[in-house]
PDB file of all heavy atoms in Angstrom:
ATOM      1  N   VAL A   1       0.861  -1.182   0.000  1.00  0.00           N
ATOM      2  CA  VAL A   1       0.000   0.000   0.000  1.00  0.00           C
ATOM      3  C   VAL A   1       0.900   1.235   0.000  1.00  0.00           C
ATOM      4  O   VAL A   1       1.823   1.341   0.818  1.00  0.00           O
ATOM      5  CB  VAL A   1      -0.911   0.028   1.255  1.00  0.00           C
ATOM      6  CG1 VAL A   1      -1.727   1.311   1.312  1.00  0.00           C
ATOM      7  CG2 VAL A   1      -1.807  -1.198   1.301  1.00  0.00           C
ATOM      8  N   VAL A   2       0.636   2.158  -0.921  1.00  0.00           N
ATOM      9  CA  VAL A   2       1.324   3.445  -0.953  1.00  0.00           C
ATOM     10  C   VAL A   2       0.295   4.500  -0.566  1.00  0.00           C
ATOM     11  O   VAL A   2      -0.793   4.535  -1.145  1.00  0.00           O
ATOM     12  CB  VAL A   2       1.925   3.733  -2.343  1.00  0.00           C
ATOM     13  CG1 VAL A   2       2.594   5.098  -2.366  1.00  0.00           C
ATOM     14  CG2 VAL A   2       2.923   2.643  -2.725  1.00  0.00           C
ATOM     15  N   ARG A   3       0.642   5.331   0.407  1.00  0.00           N
ATOM     16  CA  ARG A   3      -0.329   6.289   0.938  1.00  0.00           C
ATOM     17  C   ARG A   3       0.392   7.482   1.541  1.00  0.00           C
ATOM     18  O   ARG A   3       1.607   7.456   1.750  1.00  0.00           O
ATOM     19  CB  ARG A   3      -1.208   5.617   1.987  1.00  0.00           C
ATOM     20  CG  ARG A   3      -0.393   5.095   3.168  1.00  0.00           C
ATOM     21  CD  ARG A   3      -1.274   4.595   4.291  1.00  0.00           C
ATOM     22  NE  ARG A   3      -0.553   3.999   5.380  1.00  0.00           N
ATOM     23  CZ  ARG A   3       0.146   4.644   6.309  1.00  0.00           C
ATOM     24  NH1 ARG A   3       0.227   5.967   6.290  1.00  0.00           N
ATOM     25  NH2 ARG A   3       0.767   3.992   7.283  1.00  0.00           N
ATOM     26  N   LEU A   4      -0.368   8.501   1.857  1.00  0.00           N
ATOM     27  CA  LEU A   4       0.178   9.657   2.565  1.00  0.00           C
ATOM     28  C   LEU A   4       0.465   9.295   4.016  1.00  0.00           C
ATOM     29  O   LEU A   4      -0.208   8.435   4.607  1.00  0.00           O
ATOM     30  CB  LEU A   4      -0.803  10.827   2.508  1.00  0.00           C
ATOM     31  CG  LEU A   4      -1.007  11.458   1.130  1.00  0.00           C
ATOM     32  CD1 LEU A   4      -2.132  12.492   1.178  1.00  0.00           C
ATOM     33  CD2 LEU A   4       0.283  12.094   0.626  1.00  0.00           C
ATOM     34  N   LEU A   5       1.451   9.962   4.576  1.00  0.00           N
ATOM     35  CA  LEU A   5       1.810   9.794   5.977  1.00  0.00           C
ATOM     36  C   LEU A   5       0.590  10.069   6.843  1.00  0.00           C
ATOM     37  O   LEU A   5      -0.148  11.031   6.621  1.00  0.00           O
ATOM     38  CB  LEU A   5       2.933  10.785   6.322  1.00  0.00           C
ATOM     39  CG  LEU A   5       3.457  10.761   7.742  1.00  0.00           C
ATOM     40  CD1 LEU A   5       4.409   9.587   7.921  1.00  0.00           C
ATOM     41  CD2 LEU A   5       4.178  12.061   8.050  1.00  0.00           C
ATOM     42  N   GLN A   6       0.395   9.238   7.852  1.00  0.00           N
ATOM     43  CA  GLN A   6      -0.680   9.423   8.823  1.00  0.00           C
ATOM     44  C   GLN A   6      -0.087   9.895  10.145  1.00  0.00           C
ATOM     45  O   GLN A   6       1.089   9.630  10.437  1.00  0.00           O
ATOM     46  CB  GLN A   6      -1.430   8.102   9.031  1.00  0.00           C
ATOM     47  CG  GLN A   6      -2.089   7.575   7.767  1.00  0.00           C
ATOM     48  CD  GLN A   6      -3.150   8.519   7.232  1.00  0.00           C
ATOM     49  OE1 GLN A   6      -4.027   8.959   7.972  1.00  0.00           O
ATOM     50  NE2 GLN A   6      -3.059   8.840   5.953  1.00  0.00           N
ATOM     51  N   PRO A   7      -0.882  10.597  10.974  1.00  0.00           N
ATOM     52  CA  PRO A   7      -0.353  11.141  12.237  1.00  0.00           C
ATOM     53  C   PRO A   7       0.286  10.097  13.151  1.00  0.00           C
ATOM     54  O   PRO A   7       1.218  10.409  13.888  1.00  0.00           O
ATOM     55  CB  PRO A   7      -1.579  11.770  12.903  1.00  0.00           C
ATOM     56  CG  PRO A   7      -2.502  12.085  11.768  1.00  0.00           C
ATOM     57  CD  PRO A   7      -2.275  10.994  10.740  1.00  0.00           C
ATOM     58  N   ASP A   8      -0.180   8.861  13.106  1.00  0.00           N
ATOM     59  CA  ASP A   8       0.378   7.852  14.021  1.00  0.00           C
ATOM     60  C   ASP A   8       1.551   7.072  13.420  1.00  0.00           C
ATOM     61  O   ASP A   8       2.095   6.182  14.074  1.00  0.00           O
ATOM     62  CB  ASP A   8      -0.717   6.891  14.499  1.00  0.00           C
ATOM     63  CG  ASP A   8      -1.393   6.149  13.358  1.00  0.00           C
ATOM     64  OD1 ASP A   8      -1.317   6.612  12.201  1.00  0.00           O
ATOM     65  OD2 ASP A   8      -2.007   5.095  13.628  1.00  0.00           O
ATOM     66  N   ASP A   9       1.975   7.407  12.200  1.00  0.00           N
ATOM     67  CA  ASP A   9       3.149   6.761  11.615  1.00  0.00           C
ATOM     68  C   ASP A   9       4.407   7.207  12.357  1.00  0.00           C
ATOM     69  O   ASP A   9       4.503   8.355  12.808  1.00  0.00           O
ATOM     70  CB  ASP A   9       3.294   7.115  10.130  1.00  0.00           C
ATOM     71  CG  ASP A   9       2.230   6.445   9.259  1.00  0.00           C
ATOM     72  OD1 ASP A   9       1.739   5.362   9.632  1.00  0.00           O
ATOM     73  OD2 ASP A   9       1.896   7.015   8.207  1.00  0.00           O
ATOM     74  N   ASP A  10       5.355   6.324  12.479  1.00  0.00           N
ATOM     75  CA  ASP A  10       6.597   6.594  13.200  1.00  0.00           C
ATOM     76  C   ASP A  10       7.532   7.434  12.323  1.00  0.00           C
ATOM     77  O   ASP A  10       8.304   6.902  11.525  1.00  0.00           O
ATOM     78  CB  ASP A  10       7.256   5.265  13.592  1.00  0.00           C
ATOM     79  CG  ASP A  10       8.470   5.440  14.485  1.00  0.00           C
ATOM     80  OD1 ASP A  10       9.034   6.568  14.541  1.00  0.00           O
ATOM     81  OD2 ASP A  10       8.870   4.445  15.109  1.00  0.00           O
ATOM     82  N   GLN A  11       7.471   8.751  12.483  1.00  0.00           N
ATOM     83  CA  GLN A  11       8.257   9.658  11.655  1.00  0.00           C
ATOM     84  C   GLN A  11       9.749   9.514  11.898  1.00  0.00           C
ATOM     85  O   GLN A  11      10.550   9.638  10.956  1.00  0.00           O
ATOM     86  CB  GLN A  11       7.812  11.102  11.877  1.00  0.00           C
ATOM     87  CG  GLN A  11       6.406  11.359  11.378  1.00  0.00           C
ATOM     88  CD  GLN A  11       5.961  12.791  11.572  1.00  0.00           C
ATOM     89  OE1 GLN A  11       6.788  13.693  11.704  1.00  0.00           O
ATOM     90  NE2 GLN A  11       4.661  13.012  11.593  1.00  0.00           N
ATOM     91  N   GLN A  12      10.151   9.257  13.116  1.00  0.00           N
ATOM     92  CA  GLN A  12      11.579   9.091  13.395  1.00  0.00           C
ATOM     93  C   GLN A  12      12.125   7.853  12.686  1.00  0.00           C
ATOM     94  O   GLN A  12      13.205   7.888  12.093  1.00  0.00           O
ATOM     95  CB  GLN A  12      11.838   9.027  14.895  1.00  0.00           C
ATOM     96  CG  GLN A  12      11.637  10.362  15.570  1.00  0.00           C
ATOM     97  CD  GLN A  12      11.990  10.325  17.043  1.00  0.00           C
ATOM     98  OE1 GLN A  12      12.127   9.261  17.658  1.00  0.00           O
ATOM     99  NE2 GLN A  12      12.146  11.505  17.639  1.00  0.00           N
ATOM    100  N   MET A  13      11.385   6.757  12.728  1.00  0.00           N
ATOM    101  CA  MET A  13      11.817   5.542  12.050  1.00  0.00           C
ATOM    102  C   MET A  13      11.888   5.774  10.544  1.00  0.00           C
ATOM    103  O   MET A  13      12.834   5.355   9.877  1.00  0.00           O
ATOM    104  CB  MET A  13      10.853   4.387  12.362  1.00  0.00           C
ATOM    105  CG  MET A  13      11.263   3.046  11.742  1.00  0.00           C
ATOM    106  SD  MET A  13      10.826   2.786   9.990  1.00  0.00           S
ATOM    107  CE  MET A  13       9.053   2.782  10.053  1.00  0.00           C
ATOM    108  N   LEU A  14      10.903   6.478   9.984  1.00  0.00           N
ATOM    109  CA  LEU A  14      10.898   6.764   8.550  1.00  0.00           C
ATOM    110  C   LEU A  14      12.080   7.654   8.170  1.00  0.00           C
ATOM    111  O   LEU A  14      12.703   7.457   7.128  1.00  0.00           O
ATOM    112  CB  LEU A  14       9.575   7.411   8.142  1.00  0.00           C
ATOM    113  CG  LEU A  14       8.373   6.460   8.155  1.00  0.00           C
ATOM    114  CD1 LEU A  14       7.067   7.249   8.110  1.00  0.00           C
ATOM    115  CD2 LEU A  14       8.461   5.470   7.005  1.00  0.00           C
ATOM    116  N   GLY A  15      12.405   8.613   9.019  1.00  0.00           N
ATOM    117  CA  GLY A  15      13.565   9.452   8.766  1.00  0.00           C
ATOM    118  C   GLY A  15      14.856   8.648   8.758  1.00  0.00           C
ATOM    119  O   GLY A  15      15.721   8.837   7.896  1.00  0.00           O
ATOM    120  N   ARG A  16      14.979   7.715   9.696  1.00  0.00           N
ATOM    121  CA  ARG A  16      16.165   6.847   9.718  1.00  0.00           C
ATOM    122  C   ARG A  16      16.199   5.959   8.476  1.00  0.00           C
ATOM    123  O   ARG A  16      17.275   5.712   7.915  1.00  0.00           O
ATOM    124  CB  ARG A  16      16.189   6.002  10.991  1.00  0.00           C
ATOM    125  CG  ARG A  16      16.551   6.800  12.239  1.00  0.00           C
ATOM    126  CD  ARG A  16      16.787   5.912  13.449  1.00  0.00           C
ATOM    127  NE  ARG A  16      15.674   5.017  13.750  1.00  0.00           N
ATOM    128  CZ  ARG A  16      14.621   5.332  14.505  1.00  0.00           C
ATOM    129  NH1 ARG A  16      14.536   6.537  15.047  1.00  0.00           N
ATOM    130  NH2 ARG A  16      13.668   4.452  14.729  1.00  0.00           N
ATOM    131  N   LEU A  17      15.038   5.490   8.027  1.00  0.00           N
ATOM    132  CA  LEU A  17      14.969   4.664   6.821  1.00  0.00           C
ATOM    133  C   LEU A  17      15.515   5.430   5.623  1.00  0.00           C
ATOM    134  O   LEU A  17      16.326   4.905   4.853  1.00  0.00           O
ATOM    135  CB  LEU A  17      13.511   4.239   6.580  1.00  0.00           C
ATOM    136  CG  LEU A  17      13.218   3.309   5.432  1.00  0.00           C
ATOM    137  CD1 LEU A  17      11.972   2.492   5.739  1.00  0.00           C
ATOM    138  CD2 LEU A  17      13.029   4.031   4.133  1.00  0.00           C
ATOM    139  N   VAL A  18      15.105   6.681   5.459  1.00  0.00           N
ATOM    140  CA  VAL A  18      15.595   7.496   4.346  1.00  0.00           C
ATOM    141  C   VAL A  18      17.098   7.722   4.490  1.00  0.00           C
ATOM    142  O   VAL A  18      17.858   7.566   3.523  1.00  0.00           O
ATOM    143  CB  VAL A  18      14.822   8.832   4.246  1.00  0.00           C
ATOM    144  CG1 VAL A  18      15.444   9.738   3.193  1.00  0.00           C
ATOM    145  CG2 VAL A  18      13.347   8.572   3.926  1.00  0.00           C
ATOM    146  N   GLN A  19      17.531   8.070   5.689  1.00  0.00           N
ATOM    147  CA  GLN A  19      18.968   8.260   5.915  1.00  0.00           C
ATOM    148  C   GLN A  19      19.760   7.006   5.544  1.00  0.00           C
ATOM    149  O   GLN A  19      20.757   7.089   4.836  1.00  0.00           O
ATOM    150  CB  GLN A  19      19.253   8.586   7.377  1.00  0.00           C
ATOM    151  CG  GLN A  19      19.108  10.016   7.753  1.00  0.00           C
ATOM    152  CD  GLN A  19      19.517  10.249   9.192  1.00  0.00           C
ATOM    153  OE1 GLN A  19      19.301   9.415  10.071  1.00  0.00           O
ATOM    154  NE2 GLN A  19      20.101  11.402   9.452  1.00  0.00           N
ATOM    155  N   HIS A  20      19.328   5.866   6.023  1.00  0.00           N
ATOM    156  CA  HIS A  20      20.073   4.630   5.778  1.00  0.00           C
ATOM    157  C   HIS A  20      20.126   4.297   4.291  1.00  0.00           C
ATOM    158  O   HIS A  20      21.142   3.765   3.820  1.00  0.00           O
ATOM    159  CB  HIS A  20      19.479   3.477   6.585  1.00  0.00           C
ATOM    160  CG  HIS A  20      19.712   3.611   8.050  1.00  0.00           C
ATOM    161  ND1 HIS A  20      18.820   3.178   8.989  1.00  0.00           N
ATOM    162  CD2 HIS A  20      20.745   4.153   8.749  1.00  0.00           C
ATOM    163  CE1 HIS A  20      19.280   3.440  10.199  1.00  0.00           C
ATOM    164  NE2 HIS A  20      20.443   4.043  10.078  1.00  0.00           N
ATOM    165  N   ALA A  21      19.062   4.620   3.549  1.00  0.00           N
ATOM    166  CA  ALA A  21      19.083   4.373   2.103  1.00  0.00           C
ATOM    167  C   ALA A  21      20.181   5.202   1.438  1.00  0.00           C
ATOM    168  O   ALA A  21      20.902   4.708   0.564  1.00  0.00           O
ATOM    169  CB  ALA A  21      17.719   4.687   1.496  1.00  0.00           C
ATOM    170  N   TYR A  22      20.319   6.439   1.857  1.00  0.00           N
ATOM    171  CA  TYR A  22      21.360   7.302   1.295  1.00  0.00           C
ATOM    172  C   TYR A  22      22.748   6.883   1.790  1.00  0.00           C
ATOM    173  O   TYR A  22      23.702   6.809   1.018  1.00  0.00           O
ATOM    174  CB  TYR A  22      21.102   8.772   1.642  1.00  0.00           C
ATOM    175  CG  TYR A  22      20.102   9.439   0.732  1.00  0.00           C
ATOM    176  CD1 TYR A  22      18.748   9.140   0.814  1.00  0.00           C
ATOM    177  CD2 TYR A  22      20.509  10.377  -0.211  1.00  0.00           C
ATOM    178  CE1 TYR A  22      17.830   9.748  -0.018  1.00  0.00           C
ATOM    179  CE2 TYR A  22      19.593  10.996  -1.037  1.00  0.00           C
ATOM    180  CZ  TYR A  22      18.251  10.674  -0.946  1.00  0.00           C
ATOM    181  OH  TYR A  22      17.345  11.278  -1.775  1.00  0.00           O
ATOM    182  N   PHE A  23      22.851   6.614   3.083  1.00  0.00           N
ATOM    183  CA  PHE A  23      24.150   6.271   3.666  1.00  0.00           C
ATOM    184  C   PHE A  23      24.719   4.983   3.075  1.00  0.00           C
ATOM    185  O   PHE A  23      25.935   4.780   3.081  1.00  0.00           O
ATOM    186  CB  PHE A  23      24.044   6.133   5.186  1.00  0.00           C
ATOM    187  CG  PHE A  23      23.693   7.401   5.922  1.00  0.00           C
ATOM    188  CD1 PHE A  23      23.447   7.356   7.281  1.00  0.00           C
ATOM    189  CD2 PHE A  23      23.598   8.634   5.280  1.00  0.00           C
ATOM    190  CE1 PHE A  23      23.123   8.509   7.988  1.00  0.00           C
ATOM    191  CE2 PHE A  23      23.273   9.796   5.976  1.00  0.00           C
ATOM    192  CZ  PHE A  23      23.039   9.728   7.339  1.00  0.00           C
ATOM    193  N   ALA A  24      23.860   4.103   2.574  1.00  0.00           N
ATOM    194  CA  ALA A  24      24.302   2.835   1.994  1.00  0.00           C
ATOM    195  C   ALA A  24      24.865   2.996   0.584  1.00  0.00           C
ATOM    196  O   ALA A  24      25.440   2.055   0.036  1.00  0.00           O
ATOM    197  CB  ALA A  24      23.143   1.843   1.974  1.00  0.00           C
ATOM    198  N   LEU A  25      24.710   4.176  -0.005  1.00  0.00           N
ATOM    199  CA  LEU A  25      25.224   4.395  -1.358  1.00  0.00           C
ATOM    200  C   LEU A  25      26.745   4.384  -1.356  1.00  0.00           C
ATOM    201  O   LEU A  25      27.369   4.964  -0.465  1.00  0.00           O
ATOM    202  CB  LEU A  25      24.729   5.742  -1.906  1.00  0.00           C
ATOM    203  CG  LEU A  25      23.228   5.866  -2.107  1.00  0.00           C
ATOM    204  CD1 LEU A  25      22.861   7.320  -2.402  1.00  0.00           C
ATOM    205  CD2 LEU A  25      22.772   4.961  -3.228  1.00  0.00           C
ATOM    206  N   PRO A  26      27.344   3.760  -2.357  1.00  0.00           N
ATOM    207  CA  PRO A  26      28.813   3.764  -2.430  1.00  0.00           C
ATOM    208  C   PRO A  26      29.342   5.199  -2.510  1.00  0.00           C
ATOM    209  O   PRO A  26      28.891   5.992  -3.330  1.00  0.00           O
ATOM    210  CB  PRO A  26      29.117   3.017  -3.734  1.00  0.00           C
ATOM    211  CG  PRO A  26      27.863   2.302  -4.098  1.00  0.00           C
ATOM    212  CD  PRO A  26      26.730   3.057  -3.469  1.00  0.00           C
ATOM    213  N   GLY A  27      30.251   5.518  -1.619  1.00  0.00           N
ATOM    214  CA  GLY A  27      30.881   6.837  -1.642  1.00  0.00           C
ATOM    215  C   GLY A  27      29.960   7.980  -1.248  1.00  0.00           C
ATOM    216  O   GLY A  27      30.245   9.135  -1.582  1.00  0.00           O
ATOM    217  N   TYR A  28      28.868   7.685  -0.541  1.00  0.00           N
ATOM    218  CA  TYR A  28      27.959   8.762  -0.147  1.00  0.00           C
ATOM    219  C   TYR A  28      28.735   9.834   0.619  1.00  0.00           C
ATOM    220  O   TYR A  28      29.388   9.540   1.616  1.00  0.00           O
ATOM    221  CB  TYR A  28      26.805   8.233   0.717  1.00  0.00           C
ATOM    222  CG  TYR A  28      25.922   9.351   1.230  1.00  0.00           C
ATOM    223  CD1 TYR A  28      24.998   9.957   0.395  1.00  0.00           C
ATOM    224  CD2 TYR A  28      26.039   9.834   2.526  1.00  0.00           C
ATOM    225  CE1 TYR A  28      24.209  11.008   0.847  1.00  0.00           C
ATOM    226  CE2 TYR A  28      25.261  10.873   2.989  1.00  0.00           C
ATOM    227  CZ  TYR A  28      24.346  11.461   2.141  1.00  0.00           C
ATOM    228  OH  TYR A  28      23.573  12.496   2.589  1.00  0.00           O
ATOM    229  N   PRO A  29      28.675  11.084   0.148  1.00  0.00           N
ATOM    230  CA  PRO A  29      29.441  12.166   0.793  1.00  0.00           C
ATOM    231  C   PRO A  29      28.655  12.799   1.929  1.00  0.00           C
ATOM    232  O   PRO A  29      27.827  13.666   1.717  1.00  0.00           O
ATOM    233  CB  PRO A  29      29.647  13.160  -0.353  1.00  0.00           C
ATOM    234  CG  PRO A  29      28.434  12.971  -1.207  1.00  0.00           C
ATOM    235  CD  PRO A  29      28.037  11.523  -1.071  1.00  0.00           C
ATOM    236  N   HIS A  30      28.902  12.357   3.124  1.00  0.00           N
ATOM    237  CA  HIS A  30      28.156  12.871   4.280  1.00  0.00           C
ATOM    238  C   HIS A  30      28.323  14.375   4.425  1.00  0.00           C
ATOM    239  O   HIS A  30      29.413  14.916   4.300  1.00  0.00           O
ATOM    240  CB  HIS A  30      28.614  12.172   5.559  1.00  0.00           C
ATOM    241  CG  HIS A  30      28.120  10.779   5.658  1.00  0.00           C
ATOM    242  ND1 HIS A  30      26.863  10.462   6.123  1.00  0.00           N
ATOM    243  CD2 HIS A  30      28.699   9.604   5.330  1.00  0.00           C
ATOM    244  CE1 HIS A  30      26.697   9.159   6.079  1.00  0.00           C
ATOM    245  NE2 HIS A  30      27.804   8.613   5.599  1.00  0.00           N
ATOM    246  N   ASP A  31      27.204  15.031   4.656  1.00  0.00           N
ATOM    247  CA  ASP A  31      27.149  16.451   4.977  1.00  0.00           C
ATOM    248  C   ASP A  31      26.183  16.546   6.157  1.00  0.00           C
ATOM    249  O   ASP A  31      25.010  16.197   6.002  1.00  0.00           O
ATOM    250  CB  ASP A  31      26.641  17.244   3.775  1.00  0.00           C
ATOM    251  CG  ASP A  31      26.376  18.698   4.118  1.00  0.00           C
ATOM    252  OD1 ASP A  31      25.281  18.992   4.667  1.00  0.00           O
ATOM    253  OD2 ASP A  31      27.248  19.532   3.855  1.00  0.00           O
ATOM    254  N   PRO A  32      26.650  16.971   7.314  1.00  0.00           N
ATOM    255  CA  PRO A  32      25.782  16.937   8.503  1.00  0.00           C
ATOM    256  C   PRO A  32      24.430  17.617   8.309  1.00  0.00           C
ATOM    257  O   PRO A  32      23.414  17.086   8.741  1.00  0.00           O
ATOM    258  CB  PRO A  32      26.617  17.635   9.576  1.00  0.00           C
ATOM    259  CG  PRO A  32      28.029  17.449   9.138  1.00  0.00           C
ATOM    260  CD  PRO A  32      27.994  17.467   7.635  1.00  0.00           C
ATOM    261  N   ASP A  33      24.393  18.767   7.655  1.00  0.00           N
ATOM    262  CA  ASP A  33      23.115  19.464   7.472  1.00  0.00           C
ATOM    263  C   ASP A  33      22.182  18.668   6.564  1.00  0.00           C
ATOM    264  O   ASP A  33      20.996  18.510   6.856  1.00  0.00           O
ATOM    265  CB  ASP A  33      23.336  20.866   6.892  1.00  0.00           C
ATOM    266  CG  ASP A  33      24.007  21.801   7.882  1.00  0.00           C
ATOM    267  OD1 ASP A  33      23.884  21.575   9.108  1.00  0.00           O
ATOM    268  OD2 ASP A  33      24.663  22.754   7.425  1.00  0.00           O
ATOM    269  N   TYR A  34      22.716  18.170   5.440  1.00  0.00           N
ATOM    270  CA  TYR A  34      21.870  17.399   4.530  1.00  0.00           C
ATOM    271  C   TYR A  34      21.472  16.066   5.162  1.00  0.00           C
ATOM    272  O   TYR A  34      20.320  15.637   5.042  1.00  0.00           O
ATOM    273  CB  TYR A  34      22.567  17.168   3.182  1.00  0.00           C
ATOM    274  CG  TYR A  34      21.626  16.583   2.159  1.00  0.00           C
ATOM    275  CD1 TYR A  34      20.613  17.355   1.596  1.00  0.00           C
ATOM    276  CD2 TYR A  34      21.715  15.249   1.784  1.00  0.00           C
ATOM    277  CE1 TYR A  34      19.725  16.828   0.674  1.00  0.00           C
ATOM    278  CE2 TYR A  34      20.827  14.711   0.864  1.00  0.00           C
ATOM    279  CZ  TYR A  34      19.840  15.494   0.310  1.00  0.00           C
ATOM    280  OH  TYR A  34      18.961  14.961  -0.588  1.00  0.00           O
ATOM    281  N   ASP A  35      22.407  15.432   5.858  1.00  0.00           N
ATOM    282  CA  ASP A  35      22.084  14.171   6.529  1.00  0.00           C
ATOM    283  C   ASP A  35      20.923  14.375   7.507  1.00  0.00           C
ATOM    284  O   ASP A  35      20.012  13.544   7.582  1.00  0.00           O
ATOM    285  CB  ASP A  35      23.303  13.622   7.269  1.00  0.00           C
ATOM    286  CG  ASP A  35      24.403  13.151   6.329  1.00  0.00           C
ATOM    287  OD1 ASP A  35      24.185  13.115   5.097  1.00  0.00           O
ATOM    288  OD2 ASP A  35      25.494  12.817   6.834  1.00  0.00           O
ATOM    289  N   ASP A  36      20.939  15.490   8.237  1.00  0.00           N
ATOM    290  CA  ASP A  36      19.836  15.797   9.151  1.00  0.00           C
ATOM    291  C   ASP A  36      18.546  16.046   8.383  1.00  0.00           C
ATOM    292  O   ASP A  36      17.471  15.621   8.810  1.00  0.00           O
ATOM    293  CB  ASP A  36      20.162  17.021  10.007  1.00  0.00           C
ATOM    294  CG  ASP A  36      21.222  16.741  11.057  1.00  0.00           C
ATOM    295  OD1 ASP A  36      21.534  15.562  11.329  1.00  0.00           O
ATOM    296  OD2 ASP A  36      21.752  17.734  11.613  1.00  0.00           O
TER     297      ASP A  36
END
């Protein structure tokens, strides 16, 4: 199911999911502001 974020969805977990997807890229150039 693809849907809009709901108020009870775990936003912190979703944020970590997005971060981890980027961080797993070969040679990902970490930038603290963008990473946040």
